[in-house]
Amino acid sequence: MPIRPQYRWLYPIDWRELSTMIRFRRANGRCENCGRPHGRIVLHLGDGRWLDAEREAWRDGGGRIQRRGGQSIRFGEIRSTRVYLATAHLDHDPANNRLRNLKAFCQRCHMLHDGDEHRRRRWLTLRMRKALGDLFLGPYRFG
């Protein structure tokens, strides 16, 4: 995921090398949460289950192999996605680049991890827009 220009100064100058080391040396090109492989197209269901082609087994959203005899899967439910790894800050602080604070996540796990932070930033952005609207245009009206 690209770094927003306003946050670029928070990252160290060697961020690209640090991120590559986390994703490909430490995590061996797999998500450290669910185990999805980087760069491959993965078959998955909307609930987090995905097909591990190497093991020929379905895994859950946490990477654990699913036992047979679980829920049935209809063909129309299966989707495919190319997996991309990103390095995530566990405490959401881009200035904290300690190795124990960084993890390699696929896009699904990264969005789940950052969900609360995204909602907080969305709320803040809306409040800032409303304040600017009130300041320059009078009372802000939604829609």
N, C-alpha and C. Protein backbone atom coordinates (compact mmCIF):
# COMPACT_ATOMS: atom_id res chain seq x y z
N MET A 1 0.85 -1.17 0.00
CA MET A 1 0.00 0.00 0.00
C MET A 1 0.89 1.23 0.00
N PRO A 2 0.64 2.16 -0.91
CA PRO A 2 1.49 3.34 -0.96
C PRO A 2 1.36 4.20 0.30
N ILE A 3 2.42 4.89 0.61
CA ILE A 3 2.44 5.78 1.77
C ILE A 3 1.90 7.14 1.32
N ARG A 4 0.97 7.69 2.09
CA ARG A 4 0.44 9.01 1.76
C ARG A 4 1.54 10.05 1.92
N PRO A 5 1.54 11.04 1.01
CA PRO A 5 2.62 12.05 1.06
C PRO A 5 2.74 12.76 2.41
N GLN A 6 1.63 13.04 3.08
CA GLN A 6 1.70 13.76 4.35
C GLN A 6 2.31 12.91 5.47
N TYR A 7 2.40 11.57 5.29
CA TYR A 7 2.98 10.70 6.30
C TYR A 7 4.37 10.19 5.92
N ARG A 8 4.85 10.51 4.73
CA ARG A 8 6.12 9.97 4.24
C ARG A 8 7.28 10.33 5.17
N TRP A 9 7.27 11.51 5.76
CA TRP A 9 8.37 11.95 6.61
C TRP A 9 8.45 11.16 7.91
N LEU A 10 7.39 10.43 8.28
CA LEU A 10 7.41 9.62 9.50
C LEU A 10 8.21 8.31 9.32
N TYR A 11 8.37 7.88 8.07
CA TYR A 11 9.05 6.62 7.77
C TYR A 11 10.54 6.84 7.62
N PRO A 12 11.35 5.84 7.99
CA PRO A 12 12.80 6.00 7.84
C PRO A 12 13.19 5.99 6.36
N ILE A 13 14.37 6.50 6.09
CA ILE A 13 14.84 6.60 4.71
C ILE A 13 15.01 5.22 4.08
N ASP A 14 15.27 4.20 4.89
CA ASP A 14 15.46 2.84 4.36
C ASP A 14 14.19 1.98 4.51
N TRP A 15 13.00 2.61 4.50
CA TRP A 15 11.76 1.88 4.70
C TRP A 15 11.58 0.76 3.67
N ARG A 16 11.89 1.02 2.41
CA ARG A 16 11.70 0.01 1.36
C ARG A 16 12.51 -1.24 1.67
N GLU A 17 13.76 -1.09 2.10
CA GLU A 17 14.60 -2.24 2.43
C GLU A 17 14.11 -2.94 3.69
N LEU A 18 13.69 -2.18 4.68
CA LEU A 18 13.16 -2.76 5.92
C LEU A 18 11.89 -3.56 5.64
N SER A 19 11.00 -2.99 4.84
CA SER A 19 9.76 -3.68 4.49
C SER A 19 10.04 -4.97 3.70
N THR A 20 10.97 -4.91 2.77
CA THR A 20 11.33 -6.10 1.99
C THR A 20 11.91 -7.18 2.90
N MET A 21 12.74 -6.79 3.85
CA MET A 21 13.32 -7.76 4.78
C MET A 21 12.22 -8.44 5.61
N ILE A 22 11.25 -7.66 6.10
CA ILE A 22 10.16 -8.23 6.91
C ILE A 22 9.33 -9.19 6.07
N ARG A 23 8.93 -8.76 4.87
CA ARG A 23 8.01 -9.55 4.04
C ARG A 23 8.64 -10.81 3.46
N PHE A 24 9.90 -10.72 3.04
CA PHE A 24 10.46 -11.84 2.28
C PHE A 24 11.53 -12.64 3.02
N ARG A 25 12.26 -12.03 3.94
CA ARG A 25 13.22 -12.82 4.70
C ARG A 25 12.58 -13.41 5.95
N ARG A 26 11.99 -12.54 6.76
CA ARG A 26 11.40 -13.03 8.01
C ARG A 26 10.14 -13.86 7.77
N ALA A 27 9.24 -13.37 6.90
CA ALA A 27 7.96 -14.05 6.69
C ALA A 27 8.01 -15.04 5.53
N ASN A 28 9.11 -15.13 4.82
CA ASN A 28 9.27 -16.04 3.69
C ASN A 28 8.19 -15.87 2.63
N GLY A 29 7.76 -14.63 2.40
CA GLY A 29 6.79 -14.37 1.35
C GLY A 29 5.37 -14.83 1.66
N ARG A 30 5.05 -14.98 2.94
CA ARG A 30 3.70 -15.41 3.35
C ARG A 30 3.19 -14.46 4.42
N CYS A 31 1.87 -14.29 4.42
CA CYS A 31 1.23 -13.47 5.44
C CYS A 31 1.52 -14.08 6.81
N GLU A 32 1.93 -13.26 7.76
CA GLU A 32 2.25 -13.77 9.10
C GLU A 32 1.01 -14.02 9.94
N ASN A 33 -0.16 -13.71 9.41
CA ASN A 33 -1.40 -13.99 10.13
C ASN A 33 -2.10 -15.22 9.56
N CYS A 34 -2.34 -15.24 8.25
CA CYS A 34 -3.12 -16.34 7.67
C CYS A 34 -2.30 -17.27 6.78
N GLY A 35 -1.10 -16.88 6.38
CA GLY A 35 -0.23 -17.74 5.60
C GLY A 35 -0.41 -17.67 4.10
N ARG A 36 -1.21 -16.74 3.59
CA ARG A 36 -1.38 -16.63 2.13
C ARG A 36 -0.05 -16.25 1.48
N PRO A 37 0.27 -16.86 0.32
CA PRO A 37 1.55 -16.59 -0.34
C PRO A 37 1.51 -15.33 -1.21
N HIS A 38 2.56 -14.54 -1.15
CA HIS A 38 2.67 -13.29 -1.92
C HIS A 38 2.75 -13.58 -3.42
N GLY A 39 2.03 -12.77 -4.19
CA GLY A 39 2.12 -12.81 -5.64
C GLY A 39 1.32 -13.90 -6.32
N ARG A 40 0.70 -14.76 -5.58
CA ARG A 40 -0.08 -15.86 -6.17
C ARG A 40 -1.56 -15.53 -6.19
N ILE A 41 -2.27 -16.14 -7.12
CA ILE A 41 -3.72 -16.01 -7.14
C ILE A 41 -4.28 -17.10 -6.24
N VAL A 42 -5.09 -16.70 -5.28
CA VAL A 42 -5.63 -17.61 -4.27
C VAL A 42 -7.14 -17.68 -4.43
N LEU A 43 -7.68 -18.89 -4.41
CA LEU A 43 -9.12 -19.07 -4.39
C LEU A 43 -9.60 -18.91 -2.96
N HIS A 44 -10.70 -18.17 -2.77
CA HIS A 44 -11.16 -17.91 -1.41
C HIS A 44 -12.67 -17.75 -1.39
N LEU A 45 -13.21 -17.78 -0.19
CA LEU A 45 -14.61 -17.49 0.06
C LEU A 45 -14.67 -16.14 0.77
N GLY A 46 -15.79 -15.51 0.79
CA GLY A 46 -15.90 -14.19 1.40
C GLY A 46 -15.67 -14.15 2.89
N ASP A 47 -15.72 -15.30 3.56
CA ASP A 47 -15.61 -15.33 5.02
C ASP A 47 -14.18 -15.54 5.52
N GLY A 48 -13.20 -15.51 4.65
CA GLY A 48 -11.81 -15.66 5.07
C GLY A 48 -11.20 -17.01 4.74
N ARG A 49 -12.03 -18.00 4.44
CA ARG A 49 -11.46 -19.30 4.08
C ARG A 49 -10.81 -19.21 2.71
N TRP A 50 -9.67 -19.88 2.55
CA TRP A 50 -8.95 -19.86 1.28
C TRP A 50 -8.32 -21.21 1.01
N LEU A 51 -8.09 -21.50 -0.26
CA LEU A 51 -7.54 -22.78 -0.69
C LEU A 51 -6.03 -22.69 -0.76
N ASP A 52 -5.36 -23.51 0.03
CA ASP A 52 -3.91 -23.62 0.01
C ASP A 52 -3.57 -24.68 -1.04
N ALA A 53 -3.14 -24.25 -2.22
CA ALA A 53 -2.89 -25.15 -3.33
C ALA A 53 -1.73 -26.10 -3.04
N GLU A 54 -0.74 -25.66 -2.28
CA GLU A 54 0.40 -26.52 -1.97
C GLU A 54 0.00 -27.70 -1.10
N ARG A 55 -0.88 -27.45 -0.14
CA ARG A 55 -1.34 -28.50 0.78
C ARG A 55 -2.63 -29.17 0.29
N GLU A 56 -3.26 -28.57 -0.74
CA GLU A 56 -4.54 -29.04 -1.24
C GLU A 56 -5.57 -29.13 -0.11
N ALA A 57 -5.65 -28.04 0.67
CA ALA A 57 -6.57 -27.99 1.80
C ALA A 57 -7.09 -26.57 1.96
N TRP A 58 -8.29 -26.47 2.51
CA TRP A 58 -8.86 -25.17 2.82
C TRP A 58 -8.34 -24.71 4.17
N ARG A 59 -8.03 -23.42 4.27
CA ARG A 59 -7.58 -22.83 5.53
C ARG A 59 -8.58 -21.76 5.95
N ASP A 60 -8.65 -21.51 7.25
CA ASP A 60 -9.53 -20.44 7.73
C ASP A 60 -8.78 -19.11 7.70
N GLY A 61 -9.41 -18.05 8.15
CA GLY A 61 -8.81 -16.73 8.13
C GLY A 61 -7.58 -16.59 8.99
N GLY A 62 -7.36 -17.52 9.91
CA GLY A 62 -6.17 -17.52 10.75
C GLY A 62 -5.07 -18.44 10.25
N GLY A 63 -5.30 -19.09 9.10
CA GLY A 63 -4.30 -19.96 8.51
C GLY A 63 -4.36 -21.41 8.94
N ARG A 64 -5.34 -21.76 9.79
CA ARG A 64 -5.45 -23.15 10.26
C ARG A 64 -6.17 -24.00 9.21
N ILE A 65 -5.69 -25.22 9.01
CA ILE A 65 -6.31 -26.13 8.05
C ILE A 65 -7.68 -26.54 8.55
N GLN A 66 -8.67 -26.49 7.65
CA GLN A 66 -10.04 -26.85 7.98
C GLN A 66 -10.24 -28.35 7.82
N ARG A 67 -10.97 -28.92 8.74
CA ARG A 67 -11.28 -30.34 8.63
C ARG A 67 -12.32 -30.57 7.56
N ARG A 68 -12.33 -31.75 7.05
CA ARG A 68 -13.36 -32.11 6.07
C ARG A 68 -14.69 -32.27 6.80
N GLY A 69 -15.76 -32.16 6.06
CA GLY A 69 -17.08 -32.34 6.64
C GLY A 69 -17.63 -31.07 7.25
N GLY A 70 -16.96 -29.94 7.00
CA GLY A 70 -17.47 -28.66 7.49
C GLY A 70 -18.60 -28.18 6.60
N GLN A 71 -18.72 -26.89 6.47
CA GLN A 71 -19.76 -26.33 5.63
C GLN A 71 -19.50 -26.67 4.18
N SER A 72 -20.57 -26.91 3.44
CA SER A 72 -20.40 -27.21 2.01
C SER A 72 -20.11 -25.91 1.26
N ILE A 73 -19.41 -26.05 0.15
CA ILE A 73 -19.01 -24.89 -0.65
C ILE A 73 -19.65 -25.03 -2.02
N ARG A 74 -20.39 -23.98 -2.42
CA ARG A 74 -20.96 -23.96 -3.75
C ARG A 74 -19.97 -23.28 -4.68
N PHE A 75 -19.96 -23.70 -5.93
CA PHE A 75 -18.99 -23.19 -6.89
C PHE A 75 -19.11 -21.68 -7.08
N GLY A 76 -20.31 -21.13 -7.06
CA GLY A 76 -20.51 -19.70 -7.28
C GLY A 76 -19.94 -18.84 -6.17
N GLU A 77 -19.68 -19.42 -5.00
CA GLU A 77 -19.14 -18.66 -3.87
C GLU A 77 -17.63 -18.45 -3.97
N ILE A 78 -16.96 -19.24 -4.76
CA ILE A 78 -15.50 -19.18 -4.84
C ILE A 78 -15.06 -17.99 -5.70
N ARG A 79 -14.15 -17.22 -5.14
CA ARG A 79 -13.58 -16.07 -5.84
C ARG A 79 -12.07 -16.23 -5.88
N SER A 80 -11.44 -15.40 -6.70
CA SER A 80 -9.98 -15.45 -6.73
C SER A 80 -9.41 -14.04 -6.52
N THR A 81 -8.26 -13.99 -5.88
CA THR A 81 -7.59 -12.73 -5.58
C THR A 81 -6.09 -12.94 -5.65
N ARG A 82 -5.40 -11.97 -6.23
CA ARG A 82 -3.94 -12.01 -6.18
C ARG A 82 -3.51 -11.43 -4.84
N VAL A 83 -2.63 -12.10 -4.17
CA VAL A 83 -2.21 -11.72 -2.82
C VAL A 83 -0.98 -10.81 -2.90
N TYR A 84 -1.04 -9.69 -2.18
CA TYR A 84 0.09 -8.78 -2.06
C TYR A 84 0.38 -8.59 -0.58
N LEU A 85 1.63 -8.74 -0.22
CA LEU A 85 2.02 -8.52 1.18
C LEU A 85 2.41 -7.07 1.39
N ALA A 86 2.11 -6.57 2.57
CA ALA A 86 2.52 -5.24 2.99
C ALA A 86 3.03 -5.35 4.42
N THR A 87 3.90 -4.45 4.80
CA THR A 87 4.40 -4.44 6.17
C THR A 87 3.52 -3.52 6.99
N ALA A 88 2.94 -4.06 8.06
CA ALA A 88 2.01 -3.31 8.90
C ALA A 88 2.66 -2.96 10.23
N HIS A 89 2.34 -1.78 10.74
CA HIS A 89 2.75 -1.38 12.08
C HIS A 89 1.66 -1.85 13.04
N LEU A 90 1.99 -2.70 13.98
CA LEU A 90 0.99 -3.26 14.89
C LEU A 90 0.36 -2.20 15.79
N ASP A 91 1.11 -1.16 16.12
CA ASP A 91 0.56 -0.10 16.99
C ASP A 91 0.08 1.11 16.19
N HIS A 92 0.06 1.01 14.86
CA HIS A 92 -0.41 2.06 13.95
C HIS A 92 0.45 3.32 14.00
N ASP A 93 1.65 3.23 14.53
CA ASP A 93 2.55 4.37 14.60
C ASP A 93 3.67 4.17 13.58
N PRO A 94 3.64 4.92 12.46
CA PRO A 94 4.66 4.71 11.42
C PRO A 94 6.07 5.10 11.85
N ALA A 95 6.22 5.80 12.98
CA ALA A 95 7.55 6.15 13.46
C ALA A 95 8.16 5.02 14.30
N ASN A 96 7.35 4.07 14.75
CA ASN A 96 7.84 2.96 15.56
C ASN A 96 8.19 1.80 14.65
N ASN A 97 9.46 1.69 14.28
CA ASN A 97 9.88 0.68 13.32
C ASN A 97 10.70 -0.43 13.95
N ARG A 98 10.42 -0.74 15.20
CA ARG A 98 11.06 -1.90 15.83
C ARG A 98 10.56 -3.16 15.15
N LEU A 99 11.41 -4.14 15.05
CA LEU A 99 11.04 -5.37 14.34
C LEU A 99 9.86 -6.07 14.97
N ARG A 100 9.72 -6.00 16.29
CA ARG A 100 8.58 -6.66 16.94
C ARG A 100 7.28 -5.91 16.71
N ASN A 101 7.35 -4.68 16.21
CA ASN A 101 6.15 -3.89 15.92
C ASN A 101 5.72 -4.02 14.46
N LEU A 102 6.50 -4.72 13.64
CA LEU A 102 6.20 -4.85 12.22
C LEU A 102 5.82 -6.29 11.88
N LYS A 103 4.81 -6.44 11.02
CA LYS A 103 4.41 -7.77 10.54
C LYS A 103 4.07 -7.70 9.08
N ALA A 104 4.30 -8.79 8.38
CA ALA A 104 3.91 -8.91 6.98
C ALA A 104 2.48 -9.43 6.92
N PHE A 105 1.59 -8.63 6.36
CA PHE A 105 0.18 -9.00 6.24
C PHE A 105 -0.24 -8.97 4.78
N CYS A 106 -1.14 -9.90 4.41
CA CYS A 106 -1.79 -9.81 3.11
C CYS A 106 -2.79 -8.67 3.18
N GLN A 107 -3.38 -8.30 2.04
CA GLN A 107 -4.27 -7.15 2.04
C GLN A 107 -5.50 -7.38 2.92
N ARG A 108 -6.00 -8.60 3.01
CA ARG A 108 -7.17 -8.88 3.85
C ARG A 108 -6.84 -8.71 5.33
N CYS A 109 -5.76 -9.33 5.77
CA CYS A 109 -5.37 -9.23 7.18
C CYS A 109 -4.99 -7.80 7.55
N HIS A 110 -4.36 -7.08 6.62
CA HIS A 110 -3.98 -5.70 6.88
C HIS A 110 -5.22 -4.83 7.08
N MET A 111 -6.24 -5.01 6.24
CA MET A 111 -7.47 -4.23 6.39
C MET A 111 -8.20 -4.58 7.68
N LEU A 112 -8.22 -5.85 8.04
CA LEU A 112 -8.86 -6.25 9.30
C LEU A 112 -8.12 -5.66 10.50
N HIS A 113 -6.80 -5.68 10.43
CA HIS A 113 -5.98 -5.13 11.52
C HIS A 113 -6.18 -3.63 11.66
N ASP A 114 -6.27 -2.92 10.53
CA ASP A 114 -6.37 -1.46 10.55
C ASP A 114 -7.80 -0.94 10.57
N GLY A 115 -8.79 -1.79 10.66
CA GLY A 115 -10.19 -1.37 10.58
C GLY A 115 -10.57 -0.28 11.55
N ASP A 116 -10.24 -0.43 12.82
CA ASP A 116 -10.59 0.58 13.82
C ASP A 116 -9.87 1.90 13.54
N GLU A 117 -8.62 1.81 13.12
CA GLU A 117 -7.85 3.02 12.80
C GLU A 117 -8.45 3.73 11.58
N HIS A 118 -8.89 2.98 10.58
CA HIS A 118 -9.53 3.59 9.40
C HIS A 118 -10.83 4.30 9.80
N ARG A 119 -11.61 3.67 10.66
CA ARG A 119 -12.85 4.31 11.12
C ARG A 119 -12.55 5.58 11.91
N ARG A 120 -11.52 5.56 12.74
CA ARG A 120 -11.14 6.74 13.51
C ARG A 120 -10.71 7.87 12.60
N ARG A 121 -9.89 7.56 11.60
CA ARG A 121 -9.42 8.59 10.67
C ARG A 121 -10.57 9.13 9.81
N ARG A 122 -11.50 8.25 9.43
CA ARG A 122 -12.66 8.69 8.66
C ARG A 122 -13.49 9.68 9.47
N TRP A 123 -13.72 9.37 10.74
CA TRP A 123 -14.48 10.25 11.62
C TRP A 123 -13.77 11.61 11.73
N LEU A 124 -12.44 11.57 11.92
CA LEU A 124 -11.67 12.79 12.05
C LEU A 124 -11.72 13.62 10.76
N THR A 125 -11.59 12.96 9.61
CA THR A 125 -11.65 13.66 8.33
C THR A 125 -13.00 14.34 8.14
N LEU A 126 -14.09 13.65 8.46
CA LEU A 126 -15.42 14.25 8.34
C LEU A 126 -15.57 15.45 9.26
N ARG A 127 -15.05 15.36 10.49
CA ARG A 127 -15.15 16.48 11.42
C ARG A 127 -14.32 17.66 10.93
N MET A 128 -13.16 17.39 10.35
CA MET A 128 -12.33 18.48 9.82
C MET A 128 -13.03 19.16 8.65
N ARG A 129 -13.65 18.39 7.76
CA ARG A 129 -14.39 18.97 6.64
C ARG A 129 -15.55 19.82 7.13
N LYS A 130 -16.24 19.32 8.13
CA LYS A 130 -17.36 20.07 8.69
C LYS A 130 -16.87 21.38 9.30
N ALA A 131 -15.77 21.34 10.03
CA ALA A 131 -15.23 22.55 10.64
C ALA A 131 -14.82 23.57 9.59
N LEU A 132 -14.17 23.11 8.51
CA LEU A 132 -13.79 24.02 7.43
C LEU A 132 -15.01 24.60 6.74
N GLY A 133 -16.02 23.77 6.54
CA GLY A 133 -17.26 24.25 5.93
C GLY A 133 -17.92 25.31 6.79
N ASP A 134 -17.97 25.09 8.10
CA ASP A 134 -18.57 26.07 9.01
C ASP A 134 -17.76 27.37 9.02
N LEU A 135 -16.44 27.24 8.94
CA LEU A 135 -15.58 28.41 9.02
C LEU A 135 -15.70 29.30 7.79
N PHE A 136 -15.75 28.69 6.61
CA PHE A 136 -15.71 29.48 5.38
C PHE A 136 -17.06 29.61 4.67
N LEU A 137 -17.96 28.65 4.85
CA LEU A 137 -19.20 28.66 4.07
C LEU A 137 -20.44 28.79 4.94
N GLY A 138 -20.28 28.90 6.22
CA GLY A 138 -21.44 28.89 7.10
C GLY A 138 -21.72 27.46 7.52
N PRO A 139 -22.88 27.21 8.13
CA PRO A 139 -23.19 25.85 8.60
C PRO A 139 -23.06 24.81 7.47
N TYR A 140 -22.36 23.75 7.77
CA TYR A 140 -22.10 22.68 6.80
C TYR A 140 -23.32 21.79 6.66
N ARG A 141 -23.71 21.51 5.47
CA ARG A 141 -24.85 20.65 5.20
C ARG A 141 -24.37 19.38 4.51
N PHE A 142 -24.77 18.24 5.04
CA PHE A 142 -24.45 16.96 4.40
C PHE A 142 -25.45 16.74 3.27
N GLY A 143 -24.95 16.31 2.09
CA GLY A 143 -25.78 15.91 0.97
C GLY A 143 -26.64 16.97 0.47
